[in-house]
C-alpha atoms as a PDB file:
ATOM      1  CA  LEU A   1     -19.311  -0.066 -11.103  1.00  0.00           C
ATOM      2  CA  ASN A   2     -17.342  -0.940  -8.017  1.00  0.00           C
ATOM      3  CA  GLU A   3     -18.654  -2.060  -4.653  1.00  0.00           C
ATOM      4  CA  SER A   4     -18.522   1.345  -2.913  1.00  0.00           C
ATOM      5  CA  LYS A   5     -20.422   3.070  -5.738  1.00  0.00           C
ATOM      6  CA  PHE A   6     -23.003   0.288  -5.700  1.00  0.00           C
ATOM      7  CA  GLN A   7     -23.459   0.689  -1.937  1.00  0.00           C
ATOM      8  CA  SER A   8     -23.867   4.452  -2.197  1.00  0.00           C
ATOM      9  CA  VAL A   9     -26.465   4.086  -4.975  1.00  0.00           C
ATOM     10  CA  ALA A  10     -28.276   1.352  -3.047  1.00  0.00           C
ATOM     11  CA  SER A  11     -28.373   3.448   0.126  1.00  0.00           C
ATOM     12  CA  ALA A  12     -29.670   6.447  -1.837  1.00  0.00           C
ATOM     13  CA  LEU A  13     -32.434   4.311  -3.340  1.00  0.00           C
ATOM     14  CA  GLN A  14     -33.430   3.068   0.113  1.00  0.00           C
ATOM     15  CA  TYR A  15     -33.668   6.596   1.498  1.00  0.00           C
ATOM     16  CA  LYS A  16     -37.233   7.727   2.034  1.00  0.00           C
ATOM     17  CA  PHE A  17     -37.483  11.185   0.522  1.00  0.00           C
ATOM     18  CA  TRP A  18     -39.818  13.615   2.216  1.00  0.00           C
ATOM     19  CA  ILE A  19     -41.772  15.858  -0.120  1.00  0.00           C
ATOM     20  CA  ALA A  20     -43.533  18.871   1.344  1.00  0.00           C
ATOM     21  CA  PRO A  21     -46.926  19.728  -0.097  1.00  0.00           C
ATOM     22  CA  MET A  22     -46.780  23.026  -1.981  1.00  0.00           C
ATOM     23  CA  ARG A  23     -50.443  23.995  -1.587  1.00  0.00           C
ATOM     24  CA  ASN A  24     -51.751  25.456   1.648  1.00  0.00           C
ATOM     25  CA  VAL A  25     -55.011  24.517   3.354  1.00  0.00           C
ATOM     26  CA  LEU A  26     -56.859  27.542   1.983  1.00  0.00           C
ATOM     27  CA  GLU A  27     -55.856  26.691  -1.577  1.00  0.00           C
ATOM     28  CA  ILE A  28     -56.931  23.068  -1.127  1.00  0.00           C
ATOM     29  CA  LYS A  29     -60.354  24.046   0.256  1.00  0.00           C
ATOM     30  CA  HIS A  30     -60.956  26.950  -2.145  1.00  0.00           C
ATOM     31  CA  PRO A  31     -58.875  26.339  -5.293  1.00  0.00           C
ATOM     32  CA  GLY A  32     -60.852  28.906  -7.306  1.00  0.00           C
ATOM     33  CA  TRP A  33     -59.523  31.721  -5.155  1.00  0.00           C
ATOM     34  CA  TYR A  34     -56.022  31.093  -6.485  1.00  0.00           C
ATOM     35  CA  GLU A  35     -56.981  31.025 -10.169  1.00  0.00           C
ATOM     36  CA  LYS A  36     -57.522  34.780 -10.540  1.00  0.00           C
ATOM     37  CA  GLY A  37     -57.190  38.077  -8.781  1.00  0.00           C
ATOM     38  CA  LEU A  38     -54.976  39.064  -5.873  1.00  0.00           C
ATOM     39  CA  LEU A  39     -54.175  35.569  -4.579  1.00  0.00           C
ATOM     40  CA  LYS A  40     -53.064  34.445  -8.059  1.00  0.00           C
ATOM     41  CA  SER A  41     -50.749  37.462  -8.246  1.00  0.00           C
ATOM     42  CA  VAL A  42     -49.370  36.699  -4.788  1.00  0.00           C
ATOM     43  CA  LYS A  43     -48.799  33.044  -5.664  1.00  0.00           C
ATOM     44  CA  ASP A  44     -47.069  34.012  -8.932  1.00  0.00           C
ATOM     45  CA  MET A  45     -44.838  36.478  -7.069  1.00  0.00           C
ATOM     46  CA  VAL A  46     -43.768  33.757  -4.610  1.00  0.00           C
ATOM     47  CA  TRP A  47     -43.298  30.864  -7.054  1.00  0.00           C
ATOM     48  CA  HIS A  48     -42.251  32.555 -10.322  1.00  0.00           C
ATOM     49  CA  GLY A  49     -38.805  31.355 -11.326  1.00  0.00           C
ATOM     50  CA  THR A  50     -38.293  28.953  -8.434  1.00  0.00           C
ATOM     51  CA  GLN A  51     -38.629  25.858 -10.629  1.00  0.00           C
ATOM     52  CA  THR A  52     -35.723  27.053 -12.786  1.00  0.00           C
ATOM     53  CA  GLY A  53     -33.549  27.851  -9.778  1.00  0.00           C
ATOM     54  CA  GLU A  54     -33.972  31.612 -10.033  1.00  0.00           C
ATOM     55  CA  PRO A  55     -35.074  33.612  -7.006  1.00  0.00           C
ATOM     56  CA  SER A  56     -38.730  34.577  -6.924  1.00  0.00           C
ATOM     57  CA  ARG A  57     -39.817  38.177  -7.387  1.00  0.00           C
ATOM     58  CA  LEU A  58     -40.629  38.339  -3.688  1.00  0.00           C
ATOM     59  CA  ASP A  59     -37.099  37.208  -2.870  1.00  0.00           C
ATOM     60  CA  GLY A  60     -35.774  39.969  -5.116  1.00  0.00           C
ATOM     61  CA  TYR A  61     -37.884  42.582  -3.341  1.00  0.00           C
ATOM     62  CA  MET A  62     -36.877  41.292   0.069  1.00  0.00           C
ATOM     63  CA  ASN A  63     -33.191  41.380  -0.884  1.00  0.00           C
ATOM     64  CA  TYR A  64     -33.559  45.134  -1.393  1.00  0.00           C
ATOM     65  CA  VAL A  65     -35.373  45.431   1.943  1.00  0.00           C
ATOM     66  CA  LEU A  66     -32.540  43.531   3.650  1.00  0.00           C
ATOM     67  CA  LEU A  67     -29.939  45.754   2.013  1.00  0.00           C
ATOM     68  CA  LEU A  68     -31.743  48.899   3.140  1.00  0.00           C
ATOM     69  CA  ASN A  69     -32.129  47.429   6.610  1.00  0.00           C
ATOM     70  CA  ALA A  70     -28.380  46.765   6.765  1.00  0.00           C
ATOM     71  CA  VAL A  71     -27.662  50.370   5.752  1.00  0.00           C
ATOM     72  CA  VAL A  72     -29.993  51.619   8.477  1.00  0.00           C
ATOM     73  CA  VAL A  73     -28.341  49.354  11.078  1.00  0.00           C
ATOM     74  CA  VAL A  74     -24.916  50.730  10.133  1.00  0.00           C
ATOM     75  CA  ALA A  75     -26.181  54.316  10.261  1.00  0.00           C
ATOM     76  CA  GLU A  76     -27.814  53.720  13.632  1.00  0.00           C
ATOM     77  CA  SER A  77     -24.637  52.099  14.972  1.00  0.00           C
ATOM     78  CA  VAL A  78     -22.558  55.082  13.849  1.00  0.00           C
ATOM     79  CA  GLN A  79     -24.996  57.397  15.600  1.00  0.00           C
ATOM     80  CA  ASP A  80     -24.815  55.314  18.789  1.00  0.00           C
ATOM     81  CA  LEU A  81     -21.001  55.279  18.721  1.00  0.00           C
ATOM     82  CA  GLN A  82     -20.973  59.051  18.421  1.00  0.00           C
ATOM     83  CA  HIS A  83     -23.432  59.351  21.341  1.00  0.00           C
ATOM     84  CA  VAL A  84     -25.894  61.343  19.261  1.00  0.00           C
ATOM     85  CA  SER A  85     -29.533  60.810  20.180  1.00  0.00           C
ATOM     86  CA  LYS A  86     -30.929  63.358  17.757  1.00  0.00           C
ATOM     87  CA  TYR A  87     -32.391  60.758  15.361  1.00  0.00           C
ATOM     88  CA  ASP A  88     -33.550  58.080  17.818  1.00  0.00           C
ATOM     89  CA  GLU A  89     -37.256  58.579  17.035  1.00  0.00           C
ATOM     90  CA  ILE A  90     -36.592  58.350  13.300  1.00  0.00           C
ATOM     91  CA  PHE A  91     -34.606  55.130  13.649  1.00  0.00           C
ATOM     92  CA  THR A  92     -37.323  53.665  15.882  1.00  0.00           C
ATOM     93  CA  ALA A  93     -39.929  54.388  13.215  1.00  0.00           C
ATOM     94  CA  ILE A  94     -37.723  52.927  10.477  1.00  0.00           C
ATOM     95  CA  GLU A  95     -37.095  49.770  12.539  1.00  0.00           C
ATOM     96  CA  PHE A  96     -40.843  49.448  13.064  1.00  0.00           C
ATOM     97  CA  ALA A  97     -41.411  49.735   9.300  1.00  0.00           C
ATOM     98  CA  PHE A  98     -38.827  47.021   8.606  1.00  0.00           C
ATOM     99  CA  SER A  99     -40.458  44.772  11.190  1.00  0.00           C
ATOM    100  CA  TRP A 100     -43.766  45.158   9.402  1.00  0.00           C
ATOM    101  CA  ALA A 101     -42.106  44.455   6.050  1.00  0.00           C
ATOM    102  CA  TYR A 102     -40.909  41.097   7.412  1.00  0.00           C
ATOM    103  CA  VAL A 103     -44.360  40.326   8.865  1.00  0.00           C
ATOM    104  CA  VAL A 104     -45.947  41.092   5.486  1.00  0.00           C
ATOM    105  CA  GLU A 105     -43.374  38.887   3.754  1.00  0.00           C
ATOM    106  CA  PHE A 106     -44.284  36.028   6.101  1.00  0.00           C
ATOM    107  CA  ALA A 107     -48.010  36.544   5.455  1.00  0.00           C
ATOM    108  CA  ILE A 108     -47.448  36.547   1.685  1.00  0.00           C
ATOM    109  CA  LEU A 109     -45.357  33.371   1.842  1.00  0.00           C
ATOM    110  CA  ILE A 110     -47.865  31.540   4.032  1.00  0.00           C
ATOM    111  CA  SER A 111     -50.740  32.577   1.756  1.00  0.00           C
ATOM    112  CA  ALA A 112     -48.933  31.082  -1.251  1.00  0.00           C
ATOM    113  CA  MET A 113     -47.439  27.867   0.169  1.00  0.00           C
ATOM    114  CA  SER A 114     -48.080  25.263   2.828  1.00  0.00           C
ATOM    115  CA  TRP A 115     -46.522  25.454   6.275  1.00  0.00           C
ATOM    116  CA  ALA A 116     -44.508  22.293   5.505  1.00  0.00           C
ATOM    117  CA  GLU A 117     -43.114  23.867   2.323  1.00  0.00           C
ATOM    118  CA  TYR A 118     -42.302  27.120   4.164  1.00  0.00           C
ATOM    119  CA  THR A 119     -40.436  25.373   6.964  1.00  0.00           C
ATOM    120  CA  SER A 120     -38.579  23.064   4.566  1.00  0.00           C
ATOM    121  CA  ASN A 121     -37.195  26.112   2.694  1.00  0.00           C
ATOM    122  CA  SER A 122     -36.108  27.993   5.808  1.00  0.00           C
END
């Protein structure tokens, strides 16, 4: 062990690690709600696999949503470049649906974890 390694270990040991609470306020006040039913399923969907480094099931679903959204953006860009306005209403509706998918994802994440945990993972 040389001096530089000792200093790096010593500085790491002096660092104050910040740990975000995983449970949200609702879960702390009403823990029984998260032991069964819909909220347990939501929590399992958000946290399943994250301790082993795998993406959660929700992350897997949202990856497909992002991929579809990218395809729609490309298709809409091609339409705009060709100056075709035939499908504008359809693309507007699809964009609205994607916006709601992201809002629902946020609501699911916030219902399963604390705000501090959510913002530390962003």
